[in-house]
Amino acid sequence: MSESCSSKPAASGCGCGSDVKFDGATPAYSRALAWVIAINLVGFVVVLIGGMVEGSASLSANALDFLADSATYAISLWAIGKSVGIRTGAALFKGVSLGLVALSVAGFAAWRAWSGAAPSGEAISALGLFGALANLVAAALLVRYRDGDANVRSVWLCTRNDLIQCLGVAATGGLVWLTGSRWPDLIVGVLLAGVFLSSAYQIIRQARDEHRADLATS
């Protein structure tokens, strides 16, 4: 029996119609996702230590995002091959979790605005570049799966945003070093919270639409 279209990346063009979304049910995707989970766990530990030592809002946001991604990617791996309802539920959970991370980052930035000195710009830039490299490797593993269903696409969106985020953190370190002020770090922390909220909205909306489509055809 030939492999169904839903278990192939959208880029492969299996001819079953453009409305069929890749659901991640291939060994290659599972292996790629397992590697991405490992990369994010390493990133979390390294950046968390730096964020705690420096008291940096942008690094703390980065570390929390690495941890959230590790957990949500593990959920994505578990949801592969499950029913549409379970997969969209997993995506919905990831969207809500990302929204909570965004709110916690914004809250931490607000608290840091009233306390603490400027963190080390050099440390922020170095750890931002480390995070960017980690996410660049993860993005290279996932780029061919970027147009999958809500569960698969949420993984790509998080990884893409993380790469942009880490580059922003690295640039923030340069601004902190140049100005000697904590405000660039705090401002970028709030901006990253906004990016997280936007991604959470996209994930939740796609999961909702796919759930409604599944109900309509069941």
N, C-alpha and C. Protein backbone atom coordinates (compact mmCIF):
# COMPACT_ATOMS: atom_id res chain seq x y z
N MET A 1 0.85 -1.19 0.00
CA MET A 1 0.00 0.00 0.00
C MET A 1 0.88 1.24 0.00
N SER A 2 0.55 2.21 -0.82
CA SER A 2 1.36 3.43 -0.90
C SER A 2 1.08 4.32 0.29
N GLU A 3 2.06 5.16 0.60
CA GLU A 3 1.95 6.07 1.72
C GLU A 3 0.95 7.16 1.40
N SER A 4 0.09 7.51 2.36
CA SER A 4 -0.93 8.53 2.14
C SER A 4 -0.30 9.90 2.08
N CYS A 5 -1.02 10.82 1.41
CA CYS A 5 -0.50 12.17 1.25
C CYS A 5 -0.34 12.87 2.57
N SER A 6 -1.20 12.57 3.55
CA SER A 6 -1.14 13.30 4.80
C SER A 6 0.14 13.04 5.56
N SER A 7 0.87 11.96 5.20
CA SER A 7 2.11 11.66 5.90
C SER A 7 3.33 12.09 5.13
N LYS A 8 3.14 12.91 4.08
CA LYS A 8 4.25 13.44 3.31
C LYS A 8 4.32 14.95 3.46
N PRO A 9 5.55 15.51 3.41
CA PRO A 9 5.65 16.96 3.45
C PRO A 9 4.90 17.58 2.30
N ALA A 10 4.30 18.75 2.55
CA ALA A 10 3.53 19.43 1.52
C ALA A 10 4.38 19.72 0.30
N ALA A 11 5.69 19.92 0.49
CA ALA A 11 6.57 20.25 -0.62
C ALA A 11 6.74 19.10 -1.59
N SER A 12 6.37 17.87 -1.19
CA SER A 12 6.60 16.73 -2.06
C SER A 12 5.59 16.65 -3.18
N GLY A 13 4.45 17.32 -3.04
CA GLY A 13 3.47 17.39 -4.11
C GLY A 13 2.92 16.04 -4.52
N CYS A 14 2.13 15.39 -3.67
CA CYS A 14 1.66 14.05 -3.96
C CYS A 14 0.41 14.04 -4.82
N GLY A 15 -0.14 15.19 -5.14
CA GLY A 15 -1.25 15.23 -6.08
C GLY A 15 -2.60 14.93 -5.50
N CYS A 16 -2.74 14.98 -4.20
CA CYS A 16 -4.02 14.69 -3.57
C CYS A 16 -4.84 15.92 -3.31
N GLY A 17 -4.37 17.07 -3.75
CA GLY A 17 -5.10 18.31 -3.51
C GLY A 17 -4.37 19.18 -2.53
N SER A 18 -4.46 20.47 -2.74
CA SER A 18 -3.71 21.41 -1.93
C SER A 18 -4.25 21.52 -0.51
N ASP A 19 -5.48 20.97 -0.25
CA ASP A 19 -6.05 21.09 1.08
C ASP A 19 -5.53 20.02 2.03
N VAL A 20 -4.75 19.05 1.53
CA VAL A 20 -4.21 17.99 2.36
C VAL A 20 -2.93 18.49 3.01
N LYS A 21 -2.89 18.45 4.33
CA LYS A 21 -1.74 18.96 5.07
C LYS A 21 -0.90 17.81 5.62
N PHE A 22 0.42 17.97 5.55
CA PHE A 22 1.34 17.00 6.12
C PHE A 22 1.13 16.94 7.63
N ASP A 23 0.93 15.71 8.17
CA ASP A 23 0.62 15.57 9.59
C ASP A 23 1.80 15.12 10.43
N GLY A 24 2.99 14.99 9.81
CA GLY A 24 4.19 14.64 10.56
C GLY A 24 4.42 13.16 10.75
N ALA A 25 3.56 12.31 10.17
CA ALA A 25 3.64 10.88 10.42
C ALA A 25 4.68 10.19 9.54
N THR A 26 5.94 10.61 9.64
CA THR A 26 7.04 9.94 8.95
C THR A 26 8.20 9.79 9.93
N PRO A 27 8.99 8.72 9.79
CA PRO A 27 10.16 8.56 10.67
C PRO A 27 11.14 9.72 10.55
N ALA A 28 11.30 10.26 9.34
CA ALA A 28 12.25 11.36 9.14
C ALA A 28 11.84 12.58 9.95
N TYR A 29 10.56 12.91 9.95
CA TYR A 29 10.11 14.07 10.72
C TYR A 29 10.25 13.83 12.22
N SER A 30 9.95 12.62 12.66
CA SER A 30 10.09 12.30 14.09
C SER A 30 11.54 12.44 14.54
N ARG A 31 12.47 11.98 13.69
CA ARG A 31 13.88 12.11 14.04
C ARG A 31 14.30 13.57 14.09
N ALA A 32 13.85 14.35 13.10
CA ALA A 32 14.19 15.77 13.08
C ALA A 32 13.65 16.47 14.32
N LEU A 33 12.43 16.13 14.70
CA LEU A 33 11.82 16.77 15.87
C LEU A 33 12.54 16.38 17.15
N ALA A 34 12.99 15.13 17.24
CA ALA A 34 13.74 14.69 18.43
C ALA A 34 15.05 15.48 18.56
N TRP A 35 15.72 15.71 17.45
CA TRP A 35 16.95 16.51 17.47
C TRP A 35 16.65 17.95 17.89
N VAL A 36 15.55 18.50 17.40
CA VAL A 36 15.19 19.87 17.74
C VAL A 36 14.88 20.00 19.24
N ILE A 37 14.22 18.99 19.80
CA ILE A 37 13.95 19.00 21.24
C ILE A 37 15.26 19.03 22.03
N ALA A 38 16.22 18.19 21.63
CA ALA A 38 17.52 18.15 22.31
C ALA A 38 18.24 19.49 22.21
N ILE A 39 18.20 20.10 21.03
CA ILE A 39 18.84 21.41 20.83
C ILE A 39 18.23 22.45 21.76
N ASN A 40 16.90 22.44 21.89
CA ASN A 40 16.24 23.43 22.74
C ASN A 40 16.52 23.21 24.22
N LEU A 41 16.66 21.97 24.64
CA LEU A 41 16.98 21.71 26.05
C LEU A 41 18.37 22.24 26.39
N VAL A 42 19.33 22.02 25.49
CA VAL A 42 20.68 22.56 25.71
C VAL A 42 20.63 24.09 25.74
N GLY A 43 19.89 24.67 24.80
CA GLY A 43 19.76 26.12 24.77
C GLY A 43 19.15 26.67 26.04
N PHE A 44 18.14 25.99 26.58
CA PHE A 44 17.50 26.44 27.81
C PHE A 44 18.49 26.51 28.96
N VAL A 45 19.27 25.44 29.16
CA VAL A 45 20.21 25.39 30.28
C VAL A 45 21.26 26.49 30.16
N VAL A 46 21.84 26.63 28.97
CA VAL A 46 22.92 27.61 28.78
C VAL A 46 22.41 29.04 28.96
N VAL A 47 21.30 29.36 28.30
CA VAL A 47 20.80 30.74 28.34
C VAL A 47 20.19 31.07 29.70
N LEU A 48 19.58 30.09 30.37
CA LEU A 48 19.02 30.33 31.70
C LEU A 48 20.12 30.75 32.68
N ILE A 49 21.24 30.04 32.63
CA ILE A 49 22.35 30.39 33.53
C ILE A 49 22.80 31.83 33.26
N GLY A 50 22.95 32.16 31.98
CA GLY A 50 23.35 33.52 31.64
C GLY A 50 22.33 34.56 32.07
N GLY A 51 21.05 34.26 31.87
CA GLY A 51 20.00 35.19 32.25
C GLY A 51 19.94 35.43 33.74
N MET A 52 20.15 34.36 34.54
CA MET A 52 20.12 34.50 35.99
C MET A 52 21.32 35.29 36.49
N VAL A 53 22.48 35.02 35.91
CA VAL A 53 23.70 35.72 36.34
C VAL A 53 23.61 37.21 36.01
N GLU A 54 23.09 37.53 34.81
CA GLU A 54 23.07 38.91 34.35
C GLU A 54 21.80 39.67 34.72
N GLY A 55 20.75 38.96 35.11
CA GLY A 55 19.48 39.63 35.39
C GLY A 55 18.89 40.29 34.16
N SER A 56 19.01 39.61 33.01
CA SER A 56 18.59 40.19 31.73
C SER A 56 17.18 39.76 31.37
N ALA A 57 16.33 40.72 31.01
CA ALA A 57 14.96 40.41 30.59
C ALA A 57 14.95 39.67 29.26
N SER A 58 15.79 40.11 28.31
CA SER A 58 15.80 39.47 27.00
C SER A 58 16.35 38.05 27.08
N LEU A 59 17.39 37.83 27.90
CA LEU A 59 17.92 36.47 28.06
C LEU A 59 16.93 35.58 28.80
N SER A 60 16.24 36.13 29.79
CA SER A 60 15.23 35.35 30.50
C SER A 60 14.10 34.95 29.55
N ALA A 61 13.70 35.86 28.68
CA ALA A 61 12.69 35.54 27.67
C ALA A 61 13.19 34.43 26.76
N ASN A 62 14.44 34.53 26.36
CA ASN A 62 15.04 33.52 25.49
C ASN A 62 15.05 32.16 26.16
N ALA A 63 15.47 32.12 27.43
CA ALA A 63 15.54 30.85 28.15
C ALA A 63 14.16 30.23 28.33
N LEU A 64 13.18 31.04 28.73
CA LEU A 64 11.82 30.53 28.90
C LEU A 64 11.27 29.97 27.59
N ASP A 65 11.62 30.64 26.49
CA ASP A 65 11.14 30.17 25.20
C ASP A 65 11.78 28.85 24.81
N PHE A 66 13.08 28.68 25.09
CA PHE A 66 13.73 27.40 24.84
C PHE A 66 13.04 26.28 25.62
N LEU A 67 12.70 26.55 26.89
CA LEU A 67 12.04 25.53 27.71
C LEU A 67 10.64 25.23 27.19
N ALA A 68 9.88 26.28 26.88
CA ALA A 68 8.52 26.09 26.37
C ALA A 68 8.55 25.31 25.06
N ASP A 69 9.52 25.62 24.20
CA ASP A 69 9.62 24.91 22.93
C ASP A 69 9.94 23.44 23.15
N SER A 70 10.83 23.14 24.08
CA SER A 70 11.17 21.74 24.36
C SER A 70 9.92 20.96 24.76
N ALA A 71 9.11 21.55 25.63
CA ALA A 71 7.90 20.88 26.09
C ALA A 71 6.87 20.74 24.98
N THR A 72 6.65 21.82 24.23
CA THR A 72 5.62 21.77 23.20
C THR A 72 6.04 20.91 22.02
N TYR A 73 7.34 20.86 21.71
CA TYR A 73 7.79 19.98 20.63
C TYR A 73 7.63 18.52 21.04
N ALA A 74 7.83 18.23 22.33
CA ALA A 74 7.60 16.87 22.81
C ALA A 74 6.13 16.49 22.66
N ILE A 75 5.24 17.45 22.91
CA ILE A 75 3.81 17.21 22.71
C ILE A 75 3.53 16.97 21.23
N SER A 76 4.17 17.74 20.37
CA SER A 76 4.00 17.55 18.92
C SER A 76 4.43 16.16 18.51
N LEU A 77 5.56 15.70 19.05
CA LEU A 77 6.06 14.36 18.72
C LEU A 77 5.07 13.30 19.18
N TRP A 78 4.51 13.49 20.37
CA TRP A 78 3.52 12.54 20.88
C TRP A 78 2.26 12.55 20.02
N ALA A 79 1.85 13.69 19.51
CA ALA A 79 0.58 13.82 18.79
C ALA A 79 0.64 13.28 17.37
N ILE A 80 1.85 13.03 16.84
CA ILE A 80 1.98 12.54 15.47
C ILE A 80 1.24 11.22 15.32
N GLY A 81 0.43 11.11 14.28
CA GLY A 81 -0.30 9.89 14.01
C GLY A 81 -1.62 9.78 14.75
N LYS A 82 -1.88 10.71 15.66
CA LYS A 82 -3.14 10.70 16.40
C LYS A 82 -4.25 11.30 15.53
N SER A 83 -5.46 11.30 16.05
CA SER A 83 -6.60 11.85 15.32
C SER A 83 -6.45 13.35 15.13
N VAL A 84 -7.23 13.89 14.19
CA VAL A 84 -7.20 15.33 13.95
C VAL A 84 -7.56 16.09 15.23
N GLY A 85 -8.52 15.58 15.97
CA GLY A 85 -8.93 16.24 17.20
C GLY A 85 -7.80 16.33 18.21
N ILE A 86 -7.03 15.25 18.35
CA ILE A 86 -5.91 15.26 19.29
C ILE A 86 -4.81 16.19 18.80
N ARG A 87 -4.52 16.17 17.50
CA ARG A 87 -3.46 17.02 16.96
C ARG A 87 -3.81 18.50 17.10
N THR A 88 -5.06 18.84 16.80
CA THR A 88 -5.45 20.25 16.94
C THR A 88 -5.50 20.66 18.41
N GLY A 89 -5.86 19.71 19.28
CA GLY A 89 -5.83 20.00 20.71
C GLY A 89 -4.42 20.27 21.20
N ALA A 90 -3.46 19.49 20.68
CA ALA A 90 -2.05 19.71 21.04
C ALA A 90 -1.59 21.08 20.56
N ALA A 91 -1.98 21.44 19.34
CA ALA A 91 -1.60 22.75 18.81
C ALA A 91 -2.23 23.87 19.63
N LEU A 92 -3.49 23.67 20.04
CA LEU A 92 -4.16 24.68 20.86
C LEU A 92 -3.45 24.86 22.20
N PHE A 93 -3.04 23.75 22.79
CA PHE A 93 -2.31 23.81 24.06
C PHE A 93 -1.00 24.58 23.88
N LYS A 94 -0.31 24.33 22.77
CA LYS A 94 0.95 25.03 22.51
C LYS A 94 0.71 26.53 22.33
N GLY A 95 -0.37 26.87 21.64
CA GLY A 95 -0.66 28.29 21.45
C GLY A 95 -0.94 28.99 22.77
N VAL A 96 -1.72 28.36 23.62
CA VAL A 96 -2.02 28.95 24.93
C VAL A 96 -0.75 29.05 25.78
N SER A 97 0.08 28.00 25.74
CA SER A 97 1.33 28.02 26.51
C SER A 97 2.24 29.15 26.06
N LEU A 98 2.33 29.34 24.75
CA LEU A 98 3.17 30.41 24.22
C LEU A 98 2.65 31.77 24.66
N GLY A 99 1.32 31.91 24.70
CA GLY A 99 0.74 33.15 25.18
C GLY A 99 1.08 33.42 26.64
N LEU A 100 1.09 32.37 27.46
CA LEU A 100 1.44 32.52 28.87
C LEU A 100 2.91 32.90 29.04
N VAL A 101 3.78 32.31 28.19
CA VAL A 101 5.19 32.69 28.21
C VAL A 101 5.34 34.17 27.89
N ALA A 102 4.58 34.63 26.90
CA ALA A 102 4.64 36.05 26.51
C ALA A 102 4.27 36.95 27.68
N LEU A 103 3.21 36.60 28.38
CA LEU A 103 2.78 37.42 29.51
C LEU A 103 3.80 37.41 30.65
N SER A 104 4.43 36.25 30.88
CA SER A 104 5.43 36.18 31.95
C SER A 104 6.65 37.01 31.60
N VAL A 105 7.05 36.99 30.33
CA VAL A 105 8.19 37.80 29.89
C VAL A 105 7.89 39.29 30.06
N ALA A 106 6.70 39.69 29.65
CA ALA A 106 6.31 41.10 29.79
C ALA A 106 6.30 41.52 31.26
N GLY A 107 5.81 40.62 32.12
CA GLY A 107 5.79 40.92 33.55
C GLY A 107 7.19 41.06 34.13
N PHE A 108 8.09 40.17 33.71
CA PHE A 108 9.47 40.24 34.20
C PHE A 108 10.14 41.53 33.74
N ALA A 109 9.90 41.90 32.48
CA ALA A 109 10.48 43.14 31.96
C ALA A 109 9.97 44.35 32.74
N ALA A 110 8.68 44.34 33.08
CA ALA A 110 8.11 45.45 33.85
C ALA A 110 8.75 45.53 35.23
N TRP A 111 8.97 44.37 35.85
CA TRP A 111 9.61 44.36 37.17
C TRP A 111 11.04 44.87 37.09
N ARG A 112 11.78 44.44 36.04
CA ARG A 112 13.16 44.88 35.88
C ARG A 112 13.25 46.37 35.58
N ALA A 113 12.19 46.93 35.04
CA ALA A 113 12.21 48.37 34.75
C ALA A 113 12.33 49.20 36.03
N TRP A 114 11.92 48.61 37.14
CA TRP A 114 11.94 49.35 38.41
C TRP A 114 13.03 48.86 39.36
N SER A 115 13.84 47.91 38.91
CA SER A 115 14.88 47.39 39.80
C SER A 115 16.07 46.91 38.99
N GLY A 116 17.23 46.93 39.60
CA GLY A 116 18.41 46.36 38.98
C GLY A 116 19.17 47.30 38.08
N ALA A 117 20.46 46.97 37.89
CA ALA A 117 21.33 47.75 37.01
C ALA A 117 21.33 47.12 35.62
N ALA A 118 22.01 47.79 34.70
CA ALA A 118 22.10 47.28 33.33
C ALA A 118 22.90 45.98 33.31
N PRO A 119 22.44 44.96 32.59
CA PRO A 119 23.22 43.72 32.46
C PRO A 119 24.42 43.93 31.54
N SER A 120 25.26 42.90 31.44
CA SER A 120 26.43 42.98 30.57
C SER A 120 26.03 42.84 29.11
N GLY A 121 26.32 43.86 28.31
CA GLY A 121 25.99 43.80 26.89
C GLY A 121 26.74 42.70 26.17
N GLU A 122 28.01 42.48 26.56
CA GLU A 122 28.80 41.44 25.91
C GLU A 122 28.20 40.05 26.15
N ALA A 123 27.76 39.80 27.39
CA ALA A 123 27.18 38.50 27.71
C ALA A 123 25.87 38.29 26.95
N ILE A 124 25.04 39.34 26.87
CA ILE A 124 23.78 39.22 26.15
C ILE A 124 24.02 38.90 24.68
N SER A 125 24.96 39.60 24.06
CA SER A 125 25.25 39.37 22.64
C SER A 125 25.78 37.97 22.41
N ALA A 126 26.70 37.52 23.27
CA ALA A 126 27.29 36.19 23.11
C ALA A 126 26.23 35.10 23.22
N LEU A 127 25.37 35.20 24.22
CA LEU A 127 24.33 34.19 24.40
C LEU A 127 23.24 34.31 23.34
N GLY A 128 22.99 35.53 22.86
CA GLY A 128 22.05 35.69 21.76
C GLY A 128 22.54 35.01 20.50
N LEU A 129 23.82 35.15 20.20
CA LEU A 129 24.40 34.49 19.03
C LEU A 129 24.42 32.98 19.20
N PHE A 130 24.67 32.51 20.43
CA PHE A 130 24.60 31.08 20.70
C PHE A 130 23.20 30.55 20.41
N GLY A 131 22.19 31.27 20.89
CA GLY A 131 20.82 30.86 20.65
C GLY A 131 20.45 30.89 19.18
N ALA A 132 20.96 31.91 18.46
CA ALA A 132 20.68 32.01 17.03
C ALA A 132 21.27 30.82 16.28
N LEU A 133 22.49 30.43 16.65
CA LEU A 133 23.12 29.28 15.99
C LEU A 133 22.33 28.01 16.26
N ALA A 134 21.89 27.83 17.51
CA ALA A 134 21.10 26.64 17.86
C ALA A 134 19.81 26.60 17.05
N ASN A 135 19.13 27.72 16.94
CA ASN A 135 17.87 27.76 16.20
C ASN A 135 18.06 27.69 14.70
N LEU A 136 19.22 28.14 14.21
CA LEU A 136 19.51 28.00 12.78
C LEU A 136 19.63 26.53 12.41
N VAL A 137 20.28 25.75 13.26
CA VAL A 137 20.38 24.31 13.03
C VAL A 137 18.99 23.68 13.08
N ALA A 138 18.18 24.07 14.07
CA ALA A 138 16.82 23.53 14.19
C ALA A 138 15.98 23.90 12.97
N ALA A 139 16.09 25.14 12.51
CA ALA A 139 15.32 25.58 11.34
C ALA A 139 15.72 24.81 10.10
N ALA A 140 17.01 24.52 9.96
CA ALA A 140 17.47 23.74 8.80
C ALA A 140 16.87 22.34 8.80
N LEU A 141 16.67 21.78 9.99
CA LEU A 141 16.06 20.45 10.10
C LEU A 141 14.57 20.47 9.78
N LEU A 142 13.91 21.61 10.00
CA LEU A 142 12.45 21.67 9.91
C LEU A 142 11.90 22.40 8.70
N VAL A 143 12.75 23.09 7.94
CA VAL A 143 12.26 23.99 6.90
C VAL A 143 11.40 23.28 5.86
N ARG A 144 11.70 22.04 5.53
CA ARG A 144 10.91 21.35 4.51
C ARG A 144 9.52 20.95 5.01
N TYR A 145 9.29 21.07 6.31
CA TYR A 145 8.00 20.71 6.90
C TYR A 145 7.20 21.95 7.32
N ARG A 146 7.53 23.11 6.78
CA ARG A 146 6.94 24.35 7.28
C ARG A 146 5.47 24.53 6.92
N ASP A 147 4.95 23.78 5.95
CA ASP A 147 3.57 23.98 5.50
C ASP A 147 2.65 22.82 5.90
N GLY A 148 2.89 22.21 7.06
CA GLY A 148 2.07 21.10 7.50
C GLY A 148 0.79 21.54 8.19
N ASP A 149 0.16 20.58 8.91
CA ASP A 149 -1.07 20.90 9.63
C ASP A 149 -0.74 21.78 10.84
N ALA A 150 -1.76 22.06 11.65
CA ALA A 150 -1.57 23.00 12.77
C ALA A 150 -0.48 22.52 13.72
N ASN A 151 -0.44 21.22 13.97
CA ASN A 151 0.55 20.67 14.89
C ASN A 151 1.96 20.83 14.33
N VAL A 152 2.15 20.50 13.05
CA VAL A 152 3.46 20.59 12.40
C VAL A 152 3.86 22.04 12.19
N ARG A 153 2.93 22.84 11.70
CA ARG A 153 3.26 24.24 11.41
C ARG A 153 3.61 25.03 12.67
N SER A 154 3.00 24.68 13.79
CA SER A 154 3.30 25.39 15.03
C SER A 154 4.76 25.21 15.42
N VAL A 155 5.32 24.03 15.13
CA VAL A 155 6.73 23.78 15.42
C VAL A 155 7.61 24.68 14.57
N TRP A 156 7.28 24.79 13.27
CA TRP A 156 8.07 25.64 12.38
C TRP A 156 7.98 27.11 12.80
N LEU A 157 6.77 27.58 13.12
CA LEU A 157 6.60 28.98 13.50
C LEU A 157 7.41 29.32 14.75
N CYS A 158 7.39 28.42 15.72
CA CYS A 158 8.15 28.66 16.95
C CYS A 158 9.65 28.73 16.66
N THR A 159 10.14 27.81 15.82
CA THR A 159 11.57 27.78 15.52
C THR A 159 11.99 29.01 14.73
N ARG A 160 11.20 29.39 13.75
CA ARG A 160 11.51 30.58 12.96
C ARG A 160 11.54 31.82 13.84
N ASN A 161 10.54 31.96 14.70
CA ASN A 161 10.49 33.11 15.59
C ASN A 161 11.65 33.13 16.57
N ASP A 162 12.05 31.94 17.02
CA ASP A 162 13.17 31.86 17.95
C ASP A 162 14.47 32.34 17.31
N LEU A 163 14.66 32.01 16.03
CA LEU A 163 15.85 32.47 15.33
C LEU A 163 15.88 34.00 15.26
N ILE A 164 14.73 34.58 14.87
CA ILE A 164 14.63 36.05 14.82
C ILE A 164 14.84 36.65 16.20
N GLN A 165 14.25 36.02 17.20
CA GLN A 165 14.36 36.49 18.57
C GLN A 165 15.81 36.53 19.04
N CYS A 166 16.56 35.46 18.78
CA CYS A 166 17.94 35.39 19.25
C CYS A 166 18.82 36.43 18.56
N LEU A 167 18.56 36.68 17.29
CA LEU A 167 19.30 37.75 16.61
C LEU A 167 18.98 39.10 17.24
N GLY A 168 17.72 39.29 17.61
CA GLY A 168 17.33 40.51 18.30
C GLY A 168 18.01 40.65 19.66
N VAL A 169 18.13 39.53 20.36
CA VAL A 169 18.81 39.54 21.66
C VAL A 169 20.28 39.92 21.49
N ALA A 170 20.92 39.36 20.46
CA ALA A 170 22.33 39.69 20.20
C ALA A 170 22.50 41.18 19.91
N ALA A 171 21.58 41.74 19.11
CA ALA A 171 21.63 43.17 18.81
C ALA A 171 21.39 44.00 20.07
N THR A 172 20.52 43.50 20.93
CA THR A 172 20.24 44.19 22.19
C THR A 172 21.49 44.33 23.04
N GLY A 173 22.28 43.25 23.07
CA GLY A 173 23.53 43.30 23.83
C GLY A 173 24.43 44.42 23.35
N GLY A 174 24.47 44.63 22.04
CA GLY A 174 25.27 45.72 21.50
C GLY A 174 24.77 47.08 21.96
N LEU A 175 23.45 47.24 21.99
CA LEU A 175 22.87 48.52 22.43
C LEU A 175 23.11 48.76 23.92
N VAL A 176 23.00 47.69 24.71
CA VAL A 176 23.27 47.83 26.15
C VAL A 176 24.73 48.23 26.36
N TRP A 177 25.62 47.62 25.61
CA TRP A 177 27.05 47.94 25.74
C TRP A 177 27.34 49.38 25.33
N LEU A 178 26.69 49.83 24.25
CA LEU A 178 26.94 51.19 23.76
C LEU A 178 26.37 52.26 24.68
N THR A 179 25.19 51.99 25.24
CA THR A 179 24.50 53.02 26.03
C THR A 179 24.75 52.90 27.53
N GLY A 180 25.13 51.70 27.98
CA GLY A 180 25.28 51.49 29.42
C GLY A 180 23.95 51.51 30.15
N SER A 181 22.85 51.34 29.41
CA SER A 181 21.51 51.41 29.98
C SER A 181 20.82 50.05 29.92
N ARG A 182 19.92 49.80 30.87
CA ARG A 182 19.15 48.56 30.86
C ARG A 182 17.94 48.64 29.94
N TRP A 183 17.59 49.85 29.46
CA TRP A 183 16.35 50.02 28.70
C TRP A 183 16.31 49.26 27.38
N PRO A 184 17.40 49.18 26.61
CA PRO A 184 17.32 48.36 25.39
C PRO A 184 16.94 46.91 25.68
N ASP A 185 17.50 46.35 26.76
CA ASP A 185 17.19 44.98 27.15
C ASP A 185 15.72 44.84 27.51
N LEU A 186 15.19 45.79 28.25
CA LEU A 186 13.79 45.73 28.67
C LEU A 186 12.85 45.92 27.49
N ILE A 187 13.19 46.85 26.60
CA ILE A 187 12.33 47.10 25.43
C ILE A 187 12.26 45.87 24.54
N VAL A 188 13.43 45.24 24.29
CA VAL A 188 13.44 44.05 23.45
C VAL A 188 12.68 42.91 24.13
N GLY A 189 12.78 42.81 25.45
CA GLY A 189 12.01 41.79 26.16
C GLY A 189 10.51 41.95 25.92
N VAL A 190 10.03 43.18 25.96
CA VAL A 190 8.61 43.44 25.70
C VAL A 190 8.25 43.16 24.24
N LEU A 191 9.12 43.56 23.31
CA LEU A 191 8.87 43.29 21.89
C LEU A 191 8.80 41.79 21.62
N LEU A 192 9.69 41.03 22.26
CA LEU A 192 9.66 39.58 22.08
C LEU A 192 8.36 38.99 22.63
N ALA A 193 7.88 39.55 23.73
CA ALA A 193 6.59 39.10 24.26
C ALA A 193 5.49 39.32 23.23
N GLY A 194 5.56 40.44 22.50
CA GLY A 194 4.59 40.70 21.44
C GLY A 194 4.68 39.70 20.31
N VAL A 195 5.91 39.32 19.93
CA VAL A 195 6.10 38.30 18.89
C VAL A 195 5.50 36.98 19.34
N PHE A 196 5.73 36.61 20.60
CA PHE A 196 5.18 35.36 21.12
C PHE A 196 3.65 35.38 21.07
N LEU A 197 3.04 36.51 21.44
CA LEU A 197 1.59 36.61 21.41
C LEU A 197 1.05 36.47 19.99
N SER A 198 1.74 37.08 19.02
CA SER A 198 1.31 36.98 17.63
C SER A 198 1.36 35.53 17.14
N SER A 199 2.44 34.83 17.47
CA SER A 199 2.56 33.42 17.07
C SER A 199 1.51 32.57 17.76
N ALA A 200 1.25 32.86 19.03
CA ALA A 200 0.22 32.11 19.75
C ALA A 200 -1.13 32.27 19.07
N TYR A 201 -1.44 33.47 18.63
CA TYR A 201 -2.70 33.73 17.94
C TYR A 201 -2.79 32.93 16.64
N GLN A 202 -1.70 32.92 15.85
CA GLN A 202 -1.69 32.17 14.59
C GLN A 202 -1.91 30.68 14.83
N ILE A 203 -1.21 30.13 15.84
CA ILE A 203 -1.33 28.71 16.14
C ILE A 203 -2.75 28.37 16.58
N ILE A 204 -3.31 29.17 17.48
CA ILE A 204 -4.66 28.91 17.99
C ILE A 204 -5.69 29.03 16.88
N ARG A 205 -5.54 30.03 16.01
CA ARG A 205 -6.49 30.22 14.92
C ARG A 205 -6.47 29.04 13.96
N GLN A 206 -5.26 28.56 13.56
CA GLN A 206 -5.20 27.43 12.64
C GLN A 206 -5.75 26.17 13.29
N ALA A 207 -5.44 25.95 14.56
CA ALA A 207 -5.97 24.78 15.26
C ALA A 207 -7.49 24.82 15.32
N ARG A 208 -8.05 26.00 15.58
CA ARG A 208 -9.50 26.15 15.64
C ARG A 208 -10.13 25.87 14.28
N ASP A 209 -9.53 26.41 13.21
CA ASP A 209 -10.07 26.20 11.86
C ASP A 209 -10.03 24.73 11.46
N GLU A 210 -8.91 24.05 11.78
CA GLU A 210 -8.80 22.63 11.43
C GLU A 210 -9.78 21.79 12.24
N HIS A 211 -10.01 22.17 13.49
CA HIS A 211 -10.97 21.44 14.32
C HIS A 211 -12.38 21.60 13.76
N ARG A 212 -12.73 22.80 13.34
CA ARG A 212 -14.06 23.03 12.76
C ARG A 212 -14.22 22.27 11.45
N ALA A 213 -13.17 22.24 10.63
CA ALA A 213 -13.24 21.50 9.37
C ALA A 213 -13.41 20.01 9.62
N ASP A 214 -12.75 19.50 10.66
CA ASP A 214 -12.87 18.08 11.00
C ASP A 214 -14.28 17.76 11.47
N LEU A 215 -14.88 18.65 12.26
CA LEU A 215 -16.25 18.43 12.72
C LEU A 215 -17.23 18.46 11.55
N ALA A 216 -16.96 19.33 10.58
CA ALA A 216 -17.87 19.47 9.44
C ALA A 216 -17.85 18.24 8.54
N THR A 217 -16.72 17.52 8.51
CA THR A 217 -16.60 16.35 7.62
C THR A 217 -16.84 15.04 8.34
N SER A 218 -16.99 15.08 9.67
CA SER A 218 -17.17 13.84 10.43
C SER A 218 -18.65 13.46 10.51
